[in-house]
C-alpha atoms as a PDB file:
ATOM      1  CA  UNK A   1     -30.522  -6.615  -1.617  1.00  0.00           C
ATOM      2  CA  UNK A   2     -26.885  -6.631  -0.642  1.00  0.00           C
ATOM      3  CA  UNK A   3     -27.228  -3.180   0.992  1.00  0.00           C
ATOM      4  CA  UNK A   4     -30.454  -4.562   2.550  1.00  0.00           C
ATOM      5  CA  UNK A   5     -28.783  -7.377   4.359  1.00  0.00           C
ATOM      6  CA  UNK A   6     -26.009  -4.785   5.155  1.00  0.00           C
ATOM      7  CA  UNK A   7     -28.585  -2.182   6.821  1.00  0.00           C
ATOM      8  CA  UNK A   8     -30.285  -5.120   8.570  1.00  0.00           C
ATOM      9  CA  UNK A   9     -27.230  -6.547  10.175  1.00  0.00           C
ATOM     10  CA  UNK A  10     -26.284  -2.959  11.412  1.00  0.00           C
ATOM     11  CA  UNK A  11     -29.466  -2.689  12.799  1.00  0.00           C
ATOM     12  CA  UNK A  12     -29.355  -6.115  14.090  1.00  0.00           C
ATOM     13  CA  UNK A  13     -26.125  -5.385  15.959  1.00  0.00           C
ATOM     14  CA  UNK A  14     -27.260  -2.189  17.561  1.00  0.00           C
ATOM     15  CA  UNK A  15     -30.395  -3.831  19.021  1.00  0.00           C
ATOM     16  CA  UNK A  16     -28.240  -6.288  20.251  1.00  0.00           C
ATOM     17  CA  UNK A  17     -25.898  -3.776  22.004  1.00  0.00           C
ATOM     18  CA  UNK A  18     -28.520  -1.803  23.496  1.00  0.00           C
ATOM     19  CA  UNK A  19     -30.015  -5.251  25.160  1.00  0.00           C
ATOM     20  CA  UNK A  20     -26.830  -5.991  26.394  1.00  0.00           C
ATOM     21  CA  UNK A  21     -25.469  -2.711  27.197  1.00  0.00           C
ATOM     22  CA  UNK A  22     -24.257  -3.638  30.765  1.00  0.00           C
ATOM     23  CA  UNK A  23     -21.936  -6.623  28.999  1.00  0.00           C
ATOM     24  CA  UNK A  24     -20.538  -4.081  26.510  1.00  0.00           C
ATOM     25  CA  UNK A  25     -19.953  -1.290  29.026  1.00  0.00           C
ATOM     26  CA  UNK A  26     -17.976  -4.063  31.267  1.00  0.00           C
ATOM     27  CA  UNK A  27     -16.251  -5.404  28.312  1.00  0.00           C
ATOM     28  CA  UNK A  28     -15.250  -1.931  27.031  1.00  0.00           C
ATOM     29  CA  UNK A  29     -13.919  -0.902  30.623  1.00  0.00           C
ATOM     30  CA  UNK A  30     -11.904  -4.067  31.174  1.00  0.00           C
ATOM     31  CA  UNK A  31     -10.034  -3.988  27.821  1.00  0.00           C
ATOM     32  CA  UNK A  32      -9.230   0.085  28.407  1.00  0.00           C
ATOM     33  CA  UNK A  33      -8.203  -0.689  31.598  1.00  0.00           C
ATOM     34  CA  UNK A  34      -5.881  -3.570  30.567  1.00  0.00           C
ATOM     35  CA  UNK A  35      -4.588  -1.341  27.536  1.00  0.00           C
ATOM     36  CA  UNK A  36      -3.702   1.894  29.524  1.00  0.00           C
ATOM     37  CA  UNK A  37      -2.261   0.085  32.922  1.00  0.00           C
ATOM     38  CA  UNK A  38      -0.464  -2.876  31.181  1.00  0.00           C
ATOM     39  CA  UNK A  39       0.268  -2.314  27.245  1.00  0.00           C
ATOM     40  CA  UNK A  40       1.161   0.929  27.126  1.00  0.00           C
ATOM     41  CA  UNK A  41       3.730   1.100  29.671  1.00  0.00           C
ATOM     42  CA  UNK A  42       5.155  -2.105  28.135  1.00  0.00           C
ATOM     43  CA  UNK A  43       4.657  -1.852  24.524  1.00  0.00           C
ATOM     44  CA  UNK A  44       4.829   1.922  23.734  1.00  0.00           C
ATOM     45  CA  UNK A  45       8.726   2.828  24.796  1.00  0.00           C
ATOM     46  CA  UNK A  46       9.607  -0.448  22.960  1.00  0.00           C
ATOM     47  CA  UNK A  47       7.459   0.915  19.588  1.00  0.00           C
ATOM     48  CA  UNK A  48       9.675   4.004  19.824  1.00  0.00           C
ATOM     49  CA  UNK A  49      12.695   2.297  19.896  1.00  0.00           C
ATOM     50  CA  UNK A  50      11.854  -0.356  17.182  1.00  0.00           C
ATOM     51  CA  UNK A  51      10.596   2.784  15.371  1.00  0.00           C
ATOM     52  CA  UNK A  52      13.888   4.268  14.987  1.00  0.00           C
ATOM     53  CA  UNK A  53      15.947   0.948  14.083  1.00  0.00           C
ATOM     54  CA  UNK A  54      13.228   0.350  11.313  1.00  0.00           C
ATOM     55  CA  UNK A  55      13.401   3.804   9.977  1.00  0.00           C
ATOM     56  CA  UNK A  56      17.198   3.602  10.053  1.00  0.00           C
ATOM     57  CA  UNK A  57      16.961   0.744   6.998  1.00  0.00           C
ATOM     58  CA  UNK A  58      17.085   1.307   3.677  1.00  0.00           C
ATOM     59  CA  UNK A  59      14.674  -1.207   2.079  1.00  0.00           C
ATOM     60  CA  UNK A  60      16.034  -0.393  -1.299  1.00  0.00           C
ATOM     61  CA  UNK A  61      19.504  -1.639  -0.700  1.00  0.00           C
ATOM     62  CA  UNK A  62      19.090  -4.978   1.136  1.00  0.00           C
ATOM     63  CA  UNK A  63      20.346  -8.257  -0.119  1.00  0.00           C
ATOM     64  CA  UNK A  64      18.208 -11.160   0.233  1.00  0.00           C
ATOM     65  CA  UNK A  65      20.206 -12.385   2.870  1.00  0.00           C
ATOM     66  CA  UNK A  66      20.402  -9.011   4.784  1.00  0.00           C
ATOM     67  CA  UNK A  67      16.415  -8.775   4.361  1.00  0.00           C
ATOM     68  CA  UNK A  68      15.722 -12.233   6.072  1.00  0.00           C
ATOM     69  CA  UNK A  69      18.174 -10.999   8.926  1.00  0.00           C
ATOM     70  CA  UNK A  70      16.022  -7.898   9.416  1.00  0.00           C
ATOM     71  CA  UNK A  71      12.931  -9.492   9.412  1.00  0.00           C
ATOM     72  CA  UNK A  72      14.231 -12.068  11.933  1.00  0.00           C
ATOM     73  CA  UNK A  73      15.884  -9.508  14.195  1.00  0.00           C
ATOM     74  CA  UNK A  74      12.486  -7.291  13.591  1.00  0.00           C
ATOM     75  CA  UNK A  75      10.197 -10.057  14.548  1.00  0.00           C
ATOM     76  CA  UNK A  76      12.200 -11.138  17.657  1.00  0.00           C
ATOM     77  CA  UNK A  77      12.666  -7.908  19.116  1.00  0.00           C
ATOM     78  CA  UNK A  78       9.817  -5.630  17.623  1.00  0.00           C
ATOM     79  CA  UNK A  79       7.194  -7.401  18.410  1.00  0.00           C
ATOM     80  CA  UNK A  80       3.465  -6.974  16.932  1.00  0.00           C
ATOM     81  CA  UNK A  81       2.504  -5.429  14.555  1.00  0.00           C
ATOM     82  CA  UNK A  82       6.462  -3.955  13.500  1.00  0.00           C
ATOM     83  CA  UNK A  83       7.385  -7.653  12.131  1.00  0.00           C
ATOM     84  CA  UNK A  84       4.380  -7.907   9.523  1.00  0.00           C
ATOM     85  CA  UNK A  85       4.920  -4.391   8.656  1.00  0.00           C
ATOM     86  CA  UNK A  86       8.602  -4.867   8.004  1.00  0.00           C
ATOM     87  CA  UNK A  87       7.693  -7.834   6.089  1.00  0.00           C
ATOM     88  CA  UNK A  88       5.056  -6.010   4.095  1.00  0.00           C
ATOM     89  CA  UNK A  89       7.880  -3.214   3.113  1.00  0.00           C
ATOM     90  CA  UNK A  90      10.337  -5.834   2.113  1.00  0.00           C
ATOM     91  CA  UNK A  91       8.124  -7.439  -0.377  1.00  0.00           C
ATOM     92  CA  UNK A  92       7.461  -4.498  -1.851  1.00  0.00           C
ATOM     93  CA  UNK A  93      10.827  -3.652  -2.439  1.00  0.00           C
ATOM     94  CA  UNK A  94      10.883  -7.023  -3.774  1.00  0.00           C
ATOM     95  CA  UNK A  95      14.060  -7.856  -1.105  1.00  0.00           C
ATOM     96  CA  UNK A  96      12.187 -10.987  -0.145  1.00  0.00           C
ATOM     97  CA  UNK A  97       9.999 -13.358  -2.150  1.00  0.00           C
ATOM     98  CA  UNK A  98       6.311 -13.530  -1.416  1.00  0.00           C
ATOM     99  CA  UNK A  99       6.979 -17.730  -0.095  1.00  0.00           C
ATOM    100  CA  UNK A 100       9.915 -16.400   1.952  1.00  0.00           C
ATOM    101  CA  UNK A 101       7.679 -13.504   3.449  1.00  0.00           C
ATOM    102  CA  UNK A 102       5.182 -15.906   4.302  1.00  0.00           C
ATOM    103  CA  UNK A 103       6.971 -18.408   6.219  1.00  0.00           C
ATOM    104  CA  UNK A 104       8.740 -15.858   8.336  1.00  0.00           C
ATOM    105  CA  UNK A 105       5.475 -14.086   9.157  1.00  0.00           C
ATOM    106  CA  UNK A 106       4.664 -16.285  12.284  1.00  0.00           C
ATOM    107  CA  UNK A 107       8.171 -15.517  13.357  1.00  0.00           C
ATOM    108  CA  UNK A 108       8.834 -12.203  12.490  1.00  0.00           C
ATOM    109  CA  UNK A 109       5.152 -10.695  13.706  1.00  0.00           C
ATOM    110  CA  UNK A 110       5.459 -12.052  17.372  1.00  0.00           C
ATOM    111  CA  UNK A 111       5.205 -10.836  20.784  1.00  0.00           C
ATOM    112  CA  UNK A 112       8.184  -8.388  21.960  1.00  0.00           C
ATOM    113  CA  UNK A 113      10.745  -9.578  24.399  1.00  0.00           C
ATOM    114  CA  UNK A 114       9.443  -6.592  27.009  1.00  0.00           C
ATOM    115  CA  UNK A 115       5.484  -7.862  26.708  1.00  0.00           C
ATOM    116  CA  UNK A 116       6.897 -11.783  27.114  1.00  0.00           C
ATOM    117  CA  UNK A 117       9.168 -10.708  29.886  1.00  0.00           C
ATOM    118  CA  UNK A 118       7.611  -8.122  31.598  1.00  0.00           C
ATOM    119  CA  UNK A 119       3.877  -9.078  31.436  1.00  0.00           C
ATOM    120  CA  UNK A 120       3.530 -12.827  30.767  1.00  0.00           C
ATOM    121  CA  UNK A 121       6.604 -14.269  32.497  1.00  0.00           C
ATOM    122  CA  UNK A 122       6.250 -11.628  35.454  1.00  0.00           C
ATOM    123  CA  UNK A 123       2.805 -11.933  35.963  1.00  0.00           C
ATOM    124  CA  UNK A 124       1.900 -15.264  34.869  1.00  0.00           C
ATOM    125  CA  UNK A 125       4.603 -17.686  34.311  1.00  0.00           C
ATOM    126  CA  UNK A 126       7.560 -17.210  36.336  1.00  0.00           C
ATOM    127  CA  UNK A 127       5.962 -19.352  39.127  1.00  0.00           C
ATOM    128  CA  UNK A 128       5.535 -22.229  36.263  1.00  0.00           C
ATOM    129  CA  UNK A 129       8.401 -22.357  33.854  1.00  0.00           C
ATOM    130  CA  UNK A 130      11.967 -20.964  33.735  1.00  0.00           C
ATOM    131  CA  UNK A 131      12.360 -18.180  31.533  1.00  0.00           C
ATOM    132  CA  UNK A 132      14.826 -19.982  29.265  1.00  0.00           C
ATOM    133  CA  UNK A 133      12.336 -22.816  28.909  1.00  0.00           C
ATOM    134  CA  UNK A 134       9.546 -20.550  27.929  1.00  0.00           C
ATOM    135  CA  UNK A 135      12.143 -18.666  25.296  1.00  0.00           C
ATOM    136  CA  UNK A 136      12.804 -22.341  23.746  1.00  0.00           C
ATOM    137  CA  UNK A 137       9.132 -23.361  23.987  1.00  0.00           C
ATOM    138  CA  UNK A 138       7.902 -20.110  22.251  1.00  0.00           C
ATOM    139  CA  UNK A 139      10.807 -19.510  19.316  1.00  0.00           C
ATOM    140  CA  UNK A 140      11.960 -22.873  18.515  1.00  0.00           C
ATOM    141  CA  UNK A 141       8.697 -24.363  16.583  1.00  0.00           C
ATOM    142  CA  UNK A 142       8.585 -20.770  14.761  1.00  0.00           C
ATOM    143  CA  UNK A 143      12.385 -20.866  13.929  1.00  0.00           C
ATOM    144  CA  UNK A 144      11.545 -24.831  12.758  1.00  0.00           C
ATOM    145  CA  UNK A 145       8.560 -23.872  10.972  1.00  0.00           C
ATOM    146  CA  UNK A 146      10.481 -21.049   9.107  1.00  0.00           C
ATOM    147  CA  UNK A 147      13.256 -23.086   8.004  1.00  0.00           C
ATOM    148  CA  UNK A 148      11.366 -25.970   6.548  1.00  0.00           C
ATOM    149  CA  UNK A 149       9.534 -23.485   4.394  1.00  0.00           C
ATOM    150  CA  UNK A 150      12.252 -21.301   3.063  1.00  0.00           C
ATOM    151  CA  UNK A 151      14.170 -25.046   2.454  1.00  0.00           C
ATOM    152  CA  UNK A 152      11.241 -26.153   0.436  1.00  0.00           C
ATOM    153  CA  UNK A 153      11.195 -22.970  -1.507  1.00  0.00           C
ATOM    154  CA  UNK A 154      15.300 -23.340  -1.905  1.00  0.00           C
ATOM    155  CA  UNK A 155      14.735 -26.977  -3.222  1.00  0.00           C
ATOM    156  CA  UNK A 156      11.726 -26.451  -5.260  1.00  0.00           C
ATOM    157  CA  UNK A 157      12.632 -22.988  -6.591  1.00  0.00           C
ATOM    158  CA  UNK A 158       9.724 -20.464  -6.788  1.00  0.00           C
ATOM    159  CA  UNK A 159      10.195 -17.208  -8.657  1.00  0.00           C
ATOM    160  CA  UNK A 160      10.028 -13.862  -6.210  1.00  0.00           C
ATOM    161  CA  UNK A 161       6.601 -12.131  -6.910  1.00  0.00           C
ATOM    162  CA  UNK A 162       6.917  -8.856  -8.337  1.00  0.00           C
ATOM    163  CA  UNK A 163       3.436  -7.485  -7.031  1.00  0.00           C
ATOM    164  CA  UNK A 164       3.863  -4.150  -5.840  1.00  0.00           C
ATOM    165  CA  UNK A 165       1.748  -3.368  -3.113  1.00  0.00           C
ATOM    166  CA  UNK A 166       0.976   0.564  -1.500  1.00  0.00           C
ATOM    167  CA  UNK A 167       3.898   0.874   0.280  1.00  0.00           C
ATOM    168  CA  UNK A 168       5.775   3.914  -1.378  1.00  0.00           C
ATOM    169  CA  UNK A 169       9.370   5.055  -1.606  1.00  0.00           C
ATOM    170  CA  UNK A 170       8.484   8.470  -0.355  1.00  0.00           C
ATOM    171  CA  UNK A 171       6.823   6.573   2.658  1.00  0.00           C
ATOM    172  CA  UNK A 172      10.069   4.963   3.381  1.00  0.00           C
ATOM    173  CA  UNK A 173      11.840   7.886   3.370  1.00  0.00           C
ATOM    174  CA  UNK A 174       9.467   9.812   5.508  1.00  0.00           C
ATOM    175  CA  UNK A 175       9.801   7.299   8.313  1.00  0.00           C
ATOM    176  CA  UNK A 176      13.340   9.070   9.125  1.00  0.00           C
ATOM    177  CA  UNK A 177      11.523  11.857  10.834  1.00  0.00           C
ATOM    178  CA  UNK A 178      10.805  11.951  14.313  1.00  0.00           C
ATOM    179  CA  UNK A 179       7.566  13.150  13.990  1.00  0.00           C
ATOM    180  CA  UNK A 180       6.717   9.958  12.246  1.00  0.00           C
ATOM    181  CA  UNK A 181       8.044   7.572  14.167  1.00  0.00           C
ATOM    182  CA  UNK A 182       6.262   9.019  17.284  1.00  0.00           C
ATOM    183  CA  UNK A 183       3.167   9.320  14.899  1.00  0.00           C
ATOM    184  CA  UNK A 184       3.816   5.594  14.038  1.00  0.00           C
ATOM    185  CA  UNK A 185       3.910   4.561  17.552  1.00  0.00           C
ATOM    186  CA  UNK A 186       0.775   6.376  18.778  1.00  0.00           C
ATOM    187  CA  UNK A 187      -1.339   5.257  15.856  1.00  0.00           C
ATOM    188  CA  UNK A 188      -0.074   1.263  16.367  1.00  0.00           C
ATOM    189  CA  UNK A 189      -0.549   1.808  19.901  1.00  0.00           C
ATOM    190  CA  UNK A 190      -3.904   3.051  19.590  1.00  0.00           C
ATOM    191  CA  UNK A 191      -5.118   0.689  17.143  1.00  0.00           C
ATOM    192  CA  UNK A 192      -3.802  -2.083  19.584  1.00  0.00           C
ATOM    193  CA  UNK A 193      -6.281  -0.661  22.339  1.00  0.00           C
ATOM    194  CA  UNK A 194      -8.862  -0.528  19.863  1.00  0.00           C
ATOM    195  CA  UNK A 195      -8.792  -4.345  19.240  1.00  0.00           C
ATOM    196  CA  UNK A 196      -8.292  -5.182  22.907  1.00  0.00           C
ATOM    197  CA  UNK A 197     -11.458  -3.517  23.913  1.00  0.00           C
ATOM    198  CA  UNK A 198     -13.497  -4.611  21.059  1.00  0.00           C
ATOM    199  CA  UNK A 199     -12.082  -8.303  21.815  1.00  0.00           C
ATOM    200  CA  UNK A 200     -12.781  -7.660  25.598  1.00  0.00           C
ATOM    201  CA  UNK A 201     -16.408  -7.152  24.677  1.00  0.00           C
ATOM    202  CA  UNK A 202     -17.010 -10.169  22.433  1.00  0.00           C
ATOM    203  CA  UNK A 203     -15.171 -12.347  25.404  1.00  0.00           C
ATOM    204  CA  UNK A 204     -17.812 -10.771  27.567  1.00  0.00           C
ATOM    205  CA  UNK A 205     -20.480 -11.780  25.789  1.00  0.00           C
ATOM    206  CA  UNK A 206     -19.661 -15.024  24.742  1.00  0.00           C
ATOM    207  CA  UNK A 207     -18.768 -15.663  28.442  1.00  0.00           C
ATOM    208  CA  UNK A 208     -21.940 -14.579  29.409  1.00  0.00           C
ATOM    209  CA  UNK A 209     -24.179 -16.295  26.807  1.00  0.00           C
ATOM    210  CA  UNK A 210     -22.773 -19.732  26.566  1.00  0.00           C
ATOM    211  CA  UNK A 211     -21.513 -20.263  30.121  1.00  0.00           C
ATOM    212  CA  UNK A 212     -18.565 -21.247  32.107  1.00  0.00           C
ATOM    213  CA  UNK A 213     -17.803 -24.192  30.225  1.00  0.00           C
ATOM    214  CA  UNK A 214     -14.263 -24.909  30.285  1.00  0.00           C
ATOM    215  CA  UNK A 215     -14.181 -25.255  26.391  1.00  0.00           C
ATOM    216  CA  UNK A 216     -15.918 -22.308  26.035  1.00  0.00           C
ATOM    217  CA  UNK A 217     -13.402 -20.556  28.628  1.00  0.00           C
ATOM    218  CA  UNK A 218     -10.474 -21.944  26.804  1.00  0.00           C
ATOM    219  CA  UNK A 219     -11.618 -20.355  23.533  1.00  0.00           C
ATOM    220  CA  UNK A 220     -12.174 -17.113  25.027  1.00  0.00           C
ATOM    221  CA  UNK A 221      -8.779 -16.705  26.286  1.00  0.00           C
ATOM    222  CA  UNK A 222      -7.455 -17.101  22.424  1.00  0.00           C
ATOM    223  CA  UNK A 223      -9.601 -13.922  21.368  1.00  0.00           C
ATOM    224  CA  UNK A 224      -6.874 -11.569  23.340  1.00  0.00           C
ATOM    225  CA  UNK A 225      -3.647 -12.626  24.636  1.00  0.00           C
ATOM    226  CA  UNK A 226      -3.668  -9.928  27.502  1.00  0.00           C
ATOM    227  CA  UNK A 227      -6.832 -10.808  28.913  1.00  0.00           C
ATOM    228  CA  UNK A 228      -6.706 -14.534  28.097  1.00  0.00           C
ATOM    229  CA  UNK A 229      -3.433 -15.321  29.830  1.00  0.00           C
ATOM    230  CA  UNK A 230      -4.905 -13.722  33.011  1.00  0.00           C
ATOM    231  CA  UNK A 231      -8.126 -15.916  32.589  1.00  0.00           C
ATOM    232  CA  UNK A 232      -6.208 -19.121  32.134  1.00  0.00           C
ATOM    233  CA  UNK A 233      -3.858 -18.397  35.131  1.00  0.00           C
ATOM    234  CA  UNK A 234      -6.994 -18.224  37.304  1.00  0.00           C
ATOM    235  CA  UNK A 235      -8.250 -21.487  36.098  1.00  0.00           C
ATOM    236  CA  UNK A 236      -8.391 -24.362  38.200  1.00  0.00           C
ATOM    237  CA  UNK A 237      -6.636 -26.570  36.129  1.00  0.00           C
ATOM    238  CA  UNK A 238      -3.270 -28.889  36.666  1.00  0.00           C
ATOM    239  CA  UNK A 239      -0.054 -26.787  36.229  1.00  0.00           C
ATOM    240  CA  UNK A 240       1.458 -28.184  33.173  1.00  0.00           C
ATOM    241  CA  UNK A 241      -1.813 -27.916  31.186  1.00  0.00           C
ATOM    242  CA  UNK A 242      -1.789 -24.180  32.279  1.00  0.00           C
ATOM    243  CA  UNK A 243       1.575 -23.546  31.305  1.00  0.00           C
ATOM    244  CA  UNK A 244       1.023 -25.614  27.793  1.00  0.00           C
ATOM    245  CA  UNK A 245      -2.106 -23.275  27.091  1.00  0.00           C
ATOM    246  CA  UNK A 246      -0.598 -20.007  28.141  1.00  0.00           C
ATOM    247  CA  UNK A 247       2.569 -20.601  26.168  1.00  0.00           C
ATOM    248  CA  UNK A 248       0.424 -21.683  23.152  1.00  0.00           C
ATOM    249  CA  UNK A 249      -1.695 -18.326  23.371  1.00  0.00           C
ATOM    250  CA  UNK A 250       1.646 -16.240  23.439  1.00  0.00           C
ATOM    251  CA  UNK A 251       2.669 -18.258  20.404  1.00  0.00           C
ATOM    252  CA  UNK A 252      -0.542 -17.935  18.711  1.00  0.00           C
ATOM    253  CA  UNK A 253      -0.835 -14.372  19.820  1.00  0.00           C
ATOM    254  CA  UNK A 254      -4.546 -14.530  19.920  1.00  0.00           C
ATOM    255  CA  UNK A 255      -7.123 -13.262  17.034  1.00  0.00           C
ATOM    256  CA  UNK A 256      -7.007  -9.896  18.521  1.00  0.00           C
ATOM    257  CA  UNK A 257      -3.488  -9.649  17.052  1.00  0.00           C
ATOM    258  CA  UNK A 258      -4.585 -11.418  14.023  1.00  0.00           C
ATOM    259  CA  UNK A 259      -6.987  -8.657  13.223  1.00  0.00           C
ATOM    260  CA  UNK A 260      -4.237  -5.846  14.352  1.00  0.00           C
ATOM    261  CA  UNK A 261      -2.076  -7.457  11.616  1.00  0.00           C
ATOM    262  CA  UNK A 262      -4.808  -7.348   9.156  1.00  0.00           C
ATOM    263  CA  UNK A 263      -5.424  -3.740   9.982  1.00  0.00           C
ATOM    264  CA  UNK A 264      -1.895  -2.534   9.504  1.00  0.00           C
ATOM    265  CA  UNK A 265      -1.323  -4.491   6.200  1.00  0.00           C
ATOM    266  CA  UNK A 266      -4.563  -4.128   4.448  1.00  0.00           C
ATOM    267  CA  UNK A 267      -2.733  -2.854   1.401  1.00  0.00           C
ATOM    268  CA  UNK A 268      -0.281  -5.738   1.520  1.00  0.00           C
ATOM    269  CA  UNK A 269      -1.305  -9.029  -0.807  1.00  0.00           C
ATOM    270  CA  UNK A 270       0.798 -11.283   1.339  1.00  0.00           C
ATOM    271  CA  UNK A 271      -1.025 -14.380   2.459  1.00  0.00           C
ATOM    272  CA  UNK A 272      -3.072 -14.035   5.948  1.00  0.00           C
ATOM    273  CA  UNK A 273      -4.500 -17.514   5.506  1.00  0.00           C
ATOM    274  CA  UNK A 274      -0.868 -18.917   5.277  1.00  0.00           C
ATOM    275  CA  UNK A 275       0.385 -16.590   8.412  1.00  0.00           C
ATOM    276  CA  UNK A 276      -2.862 -17.968  10.620  1.00  0.00           C
ATOM    277  CA  UNK A 277      -2.320 -21.554   9.465  1.00  0.00           C
ATOM    278  CA  UNK A 278       1.557 -21.271  10.470  1.00  0.00           C
ATOM    279  CA  UNK A 279       0.675 -19.488  13.719  1.00  0.00           C
ATOM    280  CA  UNK A 280      -1.884 -22.206  14.538  1.00  0.00           C
ATOM    281  CA  UNK A 281       0.894 -25.021  13.932  1.00  0.00           C
ATOM    282  CA  UNK A 282       3.573 -23.475  15.821  1.00  0.00           C
ATOM    283  CA  UNK A 283       0.884 -22.897  18.638  1.00  0.00           C
ATOM    284  CA  UNK A 284       0.190 -26.544  18.557  1.00  0.00           C
ATOM    285  CA  UNK A 285       3.735 -27.212  18.554  1.00  0.00           C
ATOM    286  CA  UNK A 286       4.716 -25.316  21.624  1.00  0.00           C
ATOM    287  CA  UNK A 287       1.713 -26.738  23.859  1.00  0.00           C
ATOM    288  CA  UNK A 288       3.118 -30.193  22.778  1.00  0.00           C
ATOM    289  CA  UNK A 289       6.502 -28.903  23.637  1.00  0.00           C
ATOM    290  CA  UNK A 290       5.802 -27.662  26.939  1.00  0.00           C
ATOM    291  CA  UNK A 291       3.407 -30.299  27.852  1.00  0.00           C
ATOM    292  CA  UNK A 292       5.740 -33.189  27.130  1.00  0.00           C
ATOM    293  CA  UNK A 293       8.389 -31.144  28.886  1.00  0.00           C
ATOM    294  CA  UNK A 294       7.155 -30.775  32.256  1.00  0.00           C
ATOM    295  CA  UNK A 295       5.096 -34.204  32.431  1.00  0.00           C
ATOM    296  CA  UNK A 296       8.752 -36.102  31.698  1.00  0.00           C
END
């Protein structure tokens, strides 16, 4: 029965795609253009640099405090999805507990400063909010969220989960090779590109089928951060709401970024329910922080 349902869904999906081929082609073209024109030049060099940094870390010899520091540094400076991969490796080595890794995931799996300044601020928020305020509004809620959850774990205790996921010591050792760093960077940027294209197609289809209702438009913006920020910036809404929505999207990362992280952490047992809930909480706090700051 399950097999029949899967085949039926597959046939329906193929038929739907054929009947809406123009929307699919247009969405794929938009996503591909955004990827190679905006993301590859900004993110790929940073992936190589962050790859050199993470490859130099001996995950087996890190103390608990050093592991948290590495995780935060990776999150703030390396961006998606290096932070999530690092969290998975540290948890695999029992360098951080399950709860600590989950608490830090919303912070450590974030946009990189290069993307934040070189793409978001330069193209959209430069005329709306100073970069120092932007940084505060993005990171303050995430730091607060991580601090509260780690404090809660410290006060109420909780044993480290000794579950060993499928990252291997041999794999970690092989990260030191130049070929592995290049392969990882190319693999990661390719995965990002595929999800950008997929969610660009979904955006096109939803926008065409559901109309230009403002709520539908805002929802589709949260599908993918690259295309979403441009759509929010072009909307005819008050500047304070526009700025708050853009930065809340940056804080959340978009549904596409969530799927990218899940894809690259298939073998990890870290809770993505906690991760998504944490991202939503931080996104709402960022929206409120920007909105109240700009109307005060």
